[in-house]
């Protein structure tokens, strides 16, 4: 592994690389490395920092948020246009140009907020080539500004070096964290674009962020656009459905819709609540030790067809989801689940890592205004329908359940289609893969259509004279 100094020097000694550094907030820590190691005149066309908001607006246009994706993109756009206008005629034949930009806010004691920022790298892989681009969002976790500045400098050098030398996304992400640790920085969004990354699916990049431990949660929209969670859920009420979604059945969608009807009626749930479909690494690897990336994209395609926002996490417990969401919103949180999942919420084995055990875990789960919406489940062996109101737990856990029900933290979904309860996703998946007729009736029409059109989940055409059940 090369040191930060060695990476910066390697770029400086490469006569084919030449560009601009534009940094707002946290000093000019990235450009400083390239000046510090020497030979900067061979690499740095310009280094600047528009700290004053009026100057920043004159250069990059007015904005409501100076630490935002839109500000970063306007910085990259203006500096790129200016760099090419002035230098392309005189050295474009022999130079691959680049612009590095960042806009950052360090830790605020007054607001009790961690530092965070946007970093971007626009570059030509070779002279005269169309540009490619990498954008990332980071959370700076040090509590001292000078330490955050140091982190930013290392991360920026890693990004510049990685853009030119590690254009395979998985390798580039590993490069980003060299010389750093998750105790110092969290990278919760990355977006690749341009010809250097023509084959990159940014949804897979989001998955790899979580797989590699660069973040605990990464999000993308129904359109496949990767987003930083605050861009979607900041100060909004959120309804979360956790599952494997392999595939989404009518029951799964009914659970969400019924819960949303109730969620909207809570006093204080203002505006349109955000629906988030959460897949955990455990959900994605339950069939074996490795994650099947094609299978992950199949699930994402179906959820996208249903217009759903997806978040991929490494959370095993629900309380971790609440803690994560509370970074972005103080508003109401709702969780949609079936009775078996509710039973797991009250399983003490999941809380052994917490000093306070299940009491601490449930306390974290119900931070602020939180409600669990519980859909019934069918016990095939007895034919009995279990609900959150007749669920039996061992003593004394039953008292915890009763307390949370009485307090309004757990609410049963009572209006449901009992005929659909006998259908299980694994059986529908088997029918899709075996060509068993009739499986479409158990899925939302949009989901069934996209599965057939794109041959998702190992789809086979229908084989006559077979039945799903």
Protein backbone atom coordinates (compact mmCIF):
# COMPACT_ATOMS: atom_id res chain seq x y z
CA UNK A 1 0.00 0.00 0.00
CA UNK A 2 1.42 3.37 -1.04
CA UNK A 3 1.48 6.20 1.47
CA UNK A 4 -0.43 9.42 0.90
CA UNK A 5 2.86 11.17 0.17
CA UNK A 6 3.84 8.56 -2.41
CA UNK A 7 0.48 8.82 -4.17
CA UNK A 8 0.61 12.61 -4.38
CA UNK A 9 4.18 12.49 -5.67
CA UNK A 10 3.29 9.85 -8.26
CA UNK A 11 0.59 12.15 -9.66
CA UNK A 12 2.98 15.13 -9.63
CA UNK A 13 5.59 13.15 -11.55
CA UNK A 14 3.11 12.11 -14.23
CA UNK A 15 3.46 14.80 -16.89
CA UNK A 16 0.22 13.70 -18.56
CA UNK A 17 -1.92 14.74 -15.56
CA UNK A 18 -2.75 18.41 -15.02
CA UNK A 19 -5.63 20.07 -13.24
CA UNK A 20 -7.42 22.30 -10.75
CA UNK A 21 -8.14 21.97 -7.04
CA UNK A 22 -11.19 23.86 -5.72
CA UNK A 23 -11.99 23.42 -2.03
CA UNK A 24 -14.55 25.04 0.27
CA UNK A 25 -14.44 24.41 4.01
CA UNK A 26 -11.84 22.55 6.10
CA UNK A 27 -8.95 24.36 4.42
CA UNK A 28 -7.18 23.34 1.23
CA UNK A 29 -6.06 20.05 2.67
CA UNK A 30 -6.03 18.04 -0.56
CA UNK A 31 -4.10 20.59 -2.63
CA UNK A 32 -1.67 21.00 0.29
CA UNK A 33 -0.45 17.41 -0.16
CA UNK A 34 0.47 18.03 -3.79
CA UNK A 35 2.38 21.19 -2.86
CA UNK A 36 3.97 19.48 0.14
CA UNK A 37 5.56 16.59 -1.78
CA UNK A 38 7.15 18.79 -4.46
CA UNK A 39 6.94 19.03 -8.26
CA UNK A 40 3.45 20.55 -7.90
CA UNK A 41 4.04 22.84 -10.89
CA UNK A 42 3.82 19.77 -13.11
CA UNK A 43 0.32 18.93 -11.81
CA UNK A 44 -1.46 21.96 -10.34
CA UNK A 45 -2.89 24.40 -12.84
CA UNK A 46 -4.80 26.27 -10.15
CA UNK A 47 -5.69 25.92 -6.48
CA UNK A 48 -8.44 28.02 -4.95
CA UNK A 49 -10.94 28.27 -2.13
CA UNK A 50 -14.05 30.44 -2.27
CA UNK A 51 -14.79 30.60 1.47
CA UNK A 52 -16.87 33.77 1.34
CA UNK A 53 -20.49 32.96 0.43
CA UNK A 54 -20.84 35.99 -1.84
CA UNK A 55 -17.68 35.04 -3.74
CA UNK A 56 -18.86 31.43 -3.88
CA UNK A 57 -22.21 32.49 -5.34
CA UNK A 58 -20.54 34.73 -7.92
CA UNK A 59 -18.33 31.86 -9.05
CA UNK A 60 -20.71 28.94 -8.85
CA UNK A 61 -24.23 30.40 -8.67
CA UNK A 62 -26.56 31.02 -5.74
CA UNK A 63 -27.52 28.09 -3.55
CA UNK A 64 -29.48 27.37 -0.38
CA UNK A 65 -26.95 24.79 0.80
CA UNK A 66 -23.22 25.27 0.41
CA UNK A 67 -22.37 21.73 1.49
CA UNK A 68 -24.46 19.83 -1.03
CA UNK A 69 -24.27 17.74 -4.16
CA UNK A 70 -25.59 20.62 -6.26
CA UNK A 71 -22.82 22.94 -5.05
CA UNK A 72 -20.16 20.32 -5.73
CA UNK A 73 -21.51 19.70 -9.23
CA UNK A 74 -21.55 23.41 -10.04
CA UNK A 75 -17.92 23.66 -8.82
CA UNK A 76 -16.86 20.78 -11.03
CA UNK A 77 -18.73 22.18 -14.02
CA UNK A 78 -17.35 25.71 -13.82
CA UNK A 79 -13.77 24.73 -13.06
CA UNK A 80 -13.78 22.11 -15.81
CA UNK A 81 -15.10 24.53 -18.42
CA UNK A 82 -12.54 27.15 -17.43
CA UNK A 83 -9.66 24.66 -17.41
CA UNK A 84 -10.42 23.39 -20.90
CA UNK A 85 -11.14 26.84 -22.31
CA UNK A 86 -7.76 28.17 -21.18
CA UNK A 87 -5.45 25.16 -21.49
CA UNK A 88 -6.92 22.74 -24.01
CA UNK A 89 -5.69 24.77 -27.01
CA UNK A 90 -2.09 24.86 -25.75
CA UNK A 91 -1.59 21.42 -24.14
CA UNK A 92 -4.68 19.33 -24.81
CA UNK A 93 -2.83 16.95 -27.14
CA UNK A 94 -0.52 15.74 -24.40
CA UNK A 95 -2.55 16.26 -21.21
CA UNK A 96 -5.32 14.40 -19.43
CA UNK A 97 -7.02 17.20 -17.51
CA UNK A 98 -8.75 16.86 -14.15
CA UNK A 99 -10.66 18.89 -11.59
CA UNK A 100 -10.84 17.91 -7.93
CA UNK A 101 -13.44 19.73 -5.82
CA UNK A 102 -14.86 19.45 -2.33
CA UNK A 103 -17.29 21.36 -0.15
CA UNK A 104 -17.12 20.43 3.52
CA UNK A 105 -18.42 21.41 6.96
CA UNK A 106 -16.37 20.29 9.95
CA UNK A 107 -17.76 19.20 13.32
CA UNK A 108 -20.07 21.75 14.92
CA UNK A 109 -20.14 21.88 18.70
CA UNK A 110 -22.96 24.42 18.68
CA UNK A 111 -25.23 22.15 16.59
CA UNK A 112 -23.79 18.89 17.94
CA UNK A 113 -23.22 17.64 14.39
CA UNK A 114 -20.44 15.57 12.89
CA UNK A 115 -18.54 16.97 9.95
CA UNK A 116 -19.68 16.00 6.47
CA UNK A 117 -18.93 16.88 2.90
CA UNK A 118 -19.04 16.18 -0.82
CA UNK A 119 -15.96 15.35 -2.87
CA UNK A 120 -15.72 14.99 -6.63
CA UNK A 121 -13.16 14.13 -9.27
CA UNK A 122 -13.71 14.87 -12.98
CA UNK A 123 -10.96 13.65 -15.28
CA UNK A 124 -9.89 12.50 -18.71
CA UNK A 125 -8.49 8.99 -18.79
CA UNK A 126 -6.32 10.11 -21.72
CA UNK A 127 -5.80 13.38 -23.65
CA UNK A 128 -8.82 14.64 -25.62
CA UNK A 129 -11.03 11.89 -24.15
CA UNK A 130 -14.54 12.67 -22.85
CA UNK A 131 -14.49 13.19 -19.12
CA UNK A 132 -15.48 10.68 -16.46
CA UNK A 133 -16.49 11.52 -12.90
CA UNK A 134 -16.62 10.18 -9.36
CA UNK A 135 -18.71 11.84 -6.63
CA UNK A 136 -18.71 10.73 -2.99
CA UNK A 137 -20.35 11.89 0.22
CA UNK A 138 -18.51 11.46 3.51
CA UNK A 139 -19.25 11.80 7.20
CA UNK A 140 -16.19 13.01 9.16
CA UNK A 141 -16.28 11.35 12.57
CA UNK A 142 -13.36 13.01 14.36
CA UNK A 143 -14.44 15.55 16.95
CA UNK A 144 -11.52 17.95 16.37
CA UNK A 145 -11.36 20.10 13.25
CA UNK A 146 -7.66 19.57 12.62
CA UNK A 147 -8.17 15.80 12.62
CA UNK A 148 -11.05 16.15 10.19
CA UNK A 149 -8.84 18.26 7.94
CA UNK A 150 -6.18 15.56 8.01
CA UNK A 151 -8.76 12.92 7.10
CA UNK A 152 -10.06 15.04 4.25
CA UNK A 153 -6.56 15.53 2.86
CA UNK A 154 -5.79 11.80 2.84
CA UNK A 155 -9.18 10.93 1.38
CA UNK A 156 -8.85 13.51 -1.38
CA UNK A 157 -5.41 12.25 -2.43
CA UNK A 158 -6.79 8.70 -2.45
CA UNK A 159 -9.63 9.82 -4.72
CA UNK A 160 -7.34 11.61 -7.17
CA UNK A 161 -4.90 8.69 -7.30
CA UNK A 162 -7.65 6.08 -7.49
CA UNK A 163 -9.40 7.84 -10.38
CA UNK A 164 -6.32 7.44 -12.54
CA UNK A 165 -4.98 4.11 -11.29
CA UNK A 166 -7.92 2.08 -9.92
CA UNK A 167 -10.83 2.40 -12.32
CA UNK A 168 -12.43 -0.87 -11.22
CA UNK A 169 -14.96 0.35 -8.62
CA UNK A 170 -14.26 -2.35 -6.03
CA UNK A 171 -10.51 -1.68 -6.09
CA UNK A 172 -11.05 2.08 -6.12
CA UNK A 173 -13.24 1.92 -3.01
CA UNK A 174 -10.53 0.03 -1.16
CA UNK A 175 -8.06 2.72 -2.23
CA UNK A 176 -10.28 5.45 -0.77
CA UNK A 177 -9.87 4.12 2.76
CA UNK A 178 -6.11 3.53 2.68
CA UNK A 179 -4.50 5.34 5.60
CA UNK A 180 -7.90 5.82 7.24
CA UNK A 181 -10.41 3.87 9.34
CA UNK A 182 -14.17 3.79 9.92
CA UNK A 183 -13.54 5.48 13.26
CA UNK A 184 -12.58 8.57 11.27
CA UNK A 185 -14.72 8.57 8.14
CA UNK A 186 -17.86 7.01 6.70
CA UNK A 187 -18.44 7.03 2.92
CA UNK A 188 -22.19 6.60 2.43
CA UNK A 189 -22.56 7.48 -1.26
CA UNK A 190 -20.50 7.00 -4.40
CA UNK A 191 -21.49 7.65 -7.99
CA UNK A 192 -19.49 6.75 -11.10
CA UNK A 193 -20.23 8.23 -14.53
CA UNK A 194 -18.58 8.68 -17.91
CA UNK A 195 -16.81 6.37 -20.37
CA UNK A 196 -14.23 5.10 -17.87
CA UNK A 197 -17.13 3.60 -15.90
CA UNK A 198 -19.49 2.73 -18.75
CA UNK A 199 -20.16 -0.76 -17.38
CA UNK A 200 -20.58 0.27 -13.75
CA UNK A 201 -24.00 -0.15 -12.12
CA UNK A 202 -24.09 2.38 -9.30
CA UNK A 203 -26.55 0.22 -7.37
CA UNK A 204 -23.85 -2.44 -7.14
CA UNK A 205 -21.42 0.26 -6.05
CA UNK A 206 -23.81 1.08 -3.19
CA UNK A 207 -23.87 -2.58 -2.20
CA UNK A 208 -20.07 -2.73 -2.26
CA UNK A 209 -19.81 0.32 0.02
CA UNK A 210 -21.65 -1.69 2.67
CA UNK A 211 -19.90 -4.99 1.87
CA UNK A 212 -16.47 -3.42 2.25
CA UNK A 213 -17.43 -1.71 5.50
CA UNK A 214 -17.08 1.85 4.19
CA UNK A 215 -20.54 2.61 5.55
CA UNK A 216 -23.44 0.95 7.37
CA UNK A 217 -26.13 1.99 4.90
CA UNK A 218 -26.31 3.08 1.26
CA UNK A 219 -29.41 4.22 -0.61
CA UNK A 220 -30.67 4.44 -4.19
CA UNK A 221 -33.97 5.50 -5.76
CA UNK A 222 -36.43 3.59 -7.92
CA UNK A 223 -34.65 5.02 -10.96
CA UNK A 224 -31.35 3.51 -9.76
CA UNK A 225 -29.92 6.92 -8.83
CA UNK A 226 -27.59 6.65 -5.84
CA UNK A 227 -28.35 9.22 -3.15
CA UNK A 228 -27.05 10.29 0.21
CA UNK A 229 -29.80 9.43 2.74
CA UNK A 230 -30.28 13.05 3.82
CA UNK A 231 -31.24 13.93 0.23
CA UNK A 232 -34.30 11.70 0.58
CA UNK A 233 -35.35 11.54 4.23
CA UNK A 234 -34.02 14.73 5.85
CA UNK A 235 -36.57 15.88 8.46
CA UNK A 236 -39.28 13.67 6.97
CA UNK A 237 -41.40 10.87 8.44
CA UNK A 238 -40.17 7.50 7.20
CA UNK A 239 -41.83 4.11 6.88
CA UNK A 240 -39.36 1.21 6.63
CA UNK A 241 -40.07 -2.26 5.31
CA UNK A 242 -37.28 -4.78 5.97
CA UNK A 243 -37.12 -7.96 3.94
CA UNK A 244 -35.43 -10.09 1.32
CA UNK A 245 -37.92 -9.07 -1.42
CA UNK A 246 -37.16 -12.26 -3.35
CA UNK A 247 -39.59 -11.46 -4.88
CA UNK A 248 -42.08 -8.86 -3.62
CA UNK A 249 -45.45 -10.60 -3.28
CA UNK A 250 -48.95 -9.19 -2.95
CA UNK A 251 -48.73 -9.87 0.78
CA UNK A 252 -45.53 -7.86 1.07
CA UNK A 253 -47.04 -4.93 -0.80
CA UNK A 254 -50.29 -5.18 1.17
CA UNK A 255 -48.31 -5.02 4.40
CA UNK A 256 -46.70 -1.78 3.29
CA UNK A 257 -49.90 -0.19 1.98
CA UNK A 258 -51.94 -1.06 5.08
CA UNK A 259 -49.20 0.28 7.33
CA UNK A 260 -48.95 3.49 5.31
CA UNK A 261 -52.70 4.10 5.69
CA UNK A 262 -52.29 4.02 9.45
CA UNK A 263 -49.00 5.89 9.48
CA UNK A 264 -50.50 8.85 7.65
CA UNK A 265 -53.19 9.20 10.32
CA UNK A 266 -50.74 9.77 13.17
CA UNK A 267 -50.93 13.37 14.41
CA UNK A 268 -47.64 14.99 13.52
CA UNK A 269 -46.96 12.94 10.39
CA UNK A 270 -46.93 15.89 8.04
CA UNK A 271 -46.47 15.82 4.28
CA UNK A 272 -45.80 12.63 2.35
CA UNK A 273 -43.96 9.99 4.40
CA UNK A 274 -41.01 8.38 2.63
CA UNK A 275 -41.21 4.64 1.97
CA UNK A 276 -37.89 2.84 2.26
CA UNK A 277 -37.32 -0.84 1.43
CA UNK A 278 -34.38 -2.16 3.42
CA UNK A 279 -32.26 -5.13 2.37
CA UNK A 280 -29.58 -6.25 4.80
CA UNK A 281 -26.39 -8.10 3.89
CA UNK A 282 -27.89 -11.04 5.79
CA UNK A 283 -30.97 -10.93 3.51
CA UNK A 284 -28.66 -10.97 0.50
CA UNK A 285 -26.40 -13.80 1.68
CA UNK A 286 -28.91 -16.10 3.38
CA UNK A 287 -28.65 -18.61 0.52
CA UNK A 288 -24.90 -19.03 1.05
CA UNK A 289 -21.74 -17.27 2.25
CA UNK A 290 -21.41 -15.09 -0.85
CA UNK A 291 -23.71 -12.38 -2.12
CA UNK A 292 -25.12 -13.06 -5.59
CA UNK A 293 -24.88 -9.64 -7.21
CA UNK A 294 -27.12 -10.61 -10.11
CA UNK A 295 -29.78 -11.68 -7.65
CA UNK A 296 -29.39 -8.38 -5.79
CA UNK A 297 -29.96 -6.44 -9.02
CA UNK A 298 -33.02 -8.58 -9.80
CA UNK A 299 -34.54 -7.56 -6.48
CA UNK A 300 -33.60 -3.92 -7.10
CA UNK A 301 -35.20 -4.04 -10.58
CA UNK A 302 -38.49 -5.32 -9.16
CA UNK A 303 -38.53 -2.74 -6.37
CA UNK A 304 -37.70 -0.06 -8.92
CA UNK A 305 -40.65 -1.16 -11.07
CA UNK A 306 -42.83 -0.60 -8.01
CA UNK A 307 -41.37 2.88 -7.53
CA UNK A 308 -39.59 2.08 -4.25
CA UNK A 309 -36.48 3.61 -2.71
CA UNK A 310 -34.01 0.97 -1.51
CA UNK A 311 -31.47 1.07 1.31
CA UNK A 312 -28.81 -1.64 1.72
CA UNK A 313 -27.49 -2.04 5.28
CA UNK A 314 -25.36 -4.25 7.49
CA UNK A 315 -27.85 -3.95 10.37
CA UNK A 316 -29.01 -7.14 12.06
CA UNK A 317 -31.19 -5.42 14.68
CA UNK A 318 -34.04 -2.97 14.21
CA UNK A 319 -32.64 -0.59 16.82
CA UNK A 320 -29.62 0.01 14.57
CA UNK A 321 -31.99 1.18 11.84
CA UNK A 322 -33.58 3.68 14.21
CA UNK A 323 -30.17 5.01 15.27
CA UNK A 324 -29.14 5.41 11.63
CA UNK A 325 -32.37 7.19 10.66
CA UNK A 326 -32.10 9.56 13.61
CA UNK A 327 -28.99 11.08 12.00
CA UNK A 328 -31.28 12.54 9.36
CA UNK A 329 -34.77 12.95 10.77
CA UNK A 330 -36.40 13.58 14.16
CA UNK A 331 -39.82 12.83 12.67
CA UNK A 332 -41.99 9.73 13.07
CA UNK A 333 -40.49 6.37 12.08
CA UNK A 334 -42.61 3.38 11.20
CA UNK A 335 -41.53 -0.24 10.71
CA UNK A 336 -43.55 -2.80 8.75
CA UNK A 337 -43.13 -6.44 9.76
CA UNK A 338 -44.83 -9.79 10.07
CA UNK A 339 -45.50 -11.68 13.28
CA UNK A 340 -42.36 -13.88 12.94
CA UNK A 341 -40.21 -10.76 12.73
CA UNK A 342 -41.92 -9.25 15.78
CA UNK A 343 -41.09 -12.43 17.65
CA UNK A 344 -37.45 -11.99 16.63
CA UNK A 345 -37.50 -8.39 17.91
CA UNK A 346 -38.21 -9.85 21.36
CA UNK A 347 -35.57 -12.57 21.12
CA UNK A 348 -32.92 -11.80 23.75
CA UNK A 349 -30.11 -13.54 21.83
CA UNK A 350 -29.92 -10.61 19.40
CA UNK A 351 -29.04 -8.16 22.19
CA UNK A 352 -26.18 -9.96 23.93
CA UNK A 353 -23.65 -7.42 22.57
CA UNK A 354 -25.45 -4.60 24.39
CA UNK A 355 -24.62 -3.97 28.05
CA UNK A 356 -28.29 -3.40 28.79
CA UNK A 357 -29.46 -6.41 26.81
CA UNK A 358 -32.95 -6.37 25.36
CA UNK A 359 -33.99 -3.37 27.48
CA UNK A 360 -31.25 -1.27 25.92
CA UNK A 361 -32.07 -2.60 22.47
CA UNK A 362 -35.76 -1.79 22.71
CA UNK A 363 -34.94 1.61 24.19
CA UNK A 364 -32.82 2.36 21.12
CA UNK A 365 -35.46 0.98 18.77
CA UNK A 366 -38.11 3.31 20.17
CA UNK A 367 -35.96 6.48 20.14
CA UNK A 368 -38.39 9.36 19.65
CA UNK A 369 -41.69 8.63 17.93
CA UNK A 370 -41.57 5.07 16.56
CA UNK A 371 -44.32 2.62 15.73
CA UNK A 372 -44.22 -1.01 14.62
CA UNK A 373 -46.98 -2.15 12.27
CA UNK A 374 -47.43 -5.92 12.50
CA UNK A 375 -49.06 -8.00 9.77
CA UNK A 376 -50.57 -11.39 10.69
CA UNK A 377 -49.04 -14.75 9.75
CA UNK A 378 -50.54 -18.16 9.02
CA UNK A 379 -49.37 -21.25 10.85
CA UNK A 380 -49.87 -23.95 8.20
CA UNK A 381 -49.63 -26.80 10.68
CA UNK A 382 -52.56 -25.54 12.76
CA UNK A 383 -54.34 -23.21 10.32
CA UNK A 384 -54.23 -20.53 13.03
CA UNK A 385 -53.62 -16.89 12.17
CA UNK A 386 -51.17 -15.22 14.56
CA UNK A 387 -51.30 -11.48 15.20
CA UNK A 388 -49.45 -9.10 17.46
CA UNK A 389 -52.44 -9.14 19.81
CA UNK A 390 -52.44 -12.90 20.38
CA UNK A 391 -48.69 -13.46 20.14
CA UNK A 392 -47.40 -15.44 23.11
CA UNK A 393 -43.96 -14.83 24.59
CA UNK A 394 -42.21 -16.34 27.58
CA UNK A 395 -42.41 -14.62 30.94
CA UNK A 396 -41.29 -11.84 31.58
CA UNK A 397 -40.92 -10.74 27.92
CA UNK A 398 -44.68 -10.82 27.52
CA UNK A 399 -44.85 -7.84 29.88
CA UNK A 400 -42.55 -5.84 27.62
CA UNK A 401 -44.75 -6.65 24.64
CA UNK A 402 -47.90 -5.67 26.53
CA UNK A 403 -46.33 -2.42 27.69
CA UNK A 404 -45.34 -1.42 24.16
CA UNK A 405 -48.75 -2.39 22.79
CA UNK A 406 -50.52 -0.37 25.50
CA UNK A 407 -48.19 2.58 24.89
CA UNK A 408 -49.04 2.56 21.19
CA UNK A 409 -45.60 1.51 20.00
CA UNK A 410 -46.93 -1.70 18.40
CA UNK A 411 -50.06 -1.74 16.28
CA UNK A 412 -51.72 -4.75 14.67
CA UNK A 413 -52.76 -4.62 11.01
CA UNK A 414 -56.21 -6.17 11.21
CA UNK A 415 -57.69 -5.62 7.73
CA UNK A 416 -55.89 -8.07 5.46
CA UNK A 417 -56.52 -10.58 2.70
CA UNK A 418 -56.54 -13.93 4.50
CA UNK A 419 -56.47 -15.86 1.20
CA UNK A 420 -52.99 -14.51 0.45
CA UNK A 421 -51.46 -15.57 3.78
CA UNK A 422 -50.92 -19.13 2.54
CA UNK A 423 -48.50 -17.90 -0.16
CA UNK A 424 -44.81 -17.75 0.76
CA UNK A 425 -42.14 -15.94 -1.30
CA UNK A 426 -39.90 -19.03 -1.52
CA UNK A 427 -42.70 -20.98 -3.19
CA UNK A 428 -43.39 -18.16 -5.63
CA UNK A 429 -39.67 -17.96 -6.43
CA UNK A 430 -39.59 -21.70 -7.07
CA UNK A 431 -42.57 -21.37 -9.41
CA UNK A 432 -40.84 -18.57 -11.33
CA UNK A 433 -37.72 -20.67 -11.77
CA UNK A 434 -39.57 -23.88 -12.67
CA UNK A 435 -42.04 -22.38 -15.11
CA UNK A 436 -45.03 -23.27 -12.94
CA UNK A 437 -48.16 -21.52 -14.27
CA UNK A 438 -50.13 -19.04 -12.17
CA UNK A 439 -47.37 -17.47 -10.12
CA UNK A 440 -48.18 -14.03 -11.55
CA UNK A 441 -51.39 -13.82 -9.50
CA UNK A 442 -49.39 -13.68 -6.29
CA UNK A 443 -47.27 -10.69 -7.33
CA UNK A 444 -48.11 -7.05 -8.11
CA UNK A 445 -48.66 -6.77 -11.90
CA UNK A 446 -45.65 -4.45 -12.37
CA UNK A 447 -43.41 -6.94 -10.56
CA UNK A 448 -44.62 -9.92 -12.58
CA UNK A 449 -44.19 -8.02 -15.83
CA UNK A 450 -40.61 -6.90 -15.19
CA UNK A 451 -39.64 -10.42 -14.06
CA UNK A 452 -40.85 -11.86 -17.36
CA UNK A 453 -39.50 -9.07 -19.55
CA UNK A 454 -35.99 -9.19 -18.06
CA UNK A 455 -35.94 -12.89 -17.11
CA UNK A 456 -35.19 -12.09 -13.46
CA UNK A 457 -34.65 -14.63 -10.66
CA UNK A 458 -33.88 -17.42 -13.18
CA UNK A 459 -37.31 -17.06 -14.83
CA UNK A 460 -38.50 -19.90 -17.09
CA UNK A 461 -41.43 -19.78 -19.44
CA UNK A 462 -44.57 -21.49 -18.22
CA UNK A 463 -44.74 -25.27 -18.27
CA UNK A 464 -48.36 -26.51 -18.71
CA UNK A 465 -50.20 -28.75 -16.26
CA UNK A 466 -48.32 -27.69 -13.15
CA UNK A 467 -49.54 -25.64 -10.21
CA UNK A 468 -47.84 -23.37 -7.76
CA UNK A 469 -49.68 -24.80 -4.74
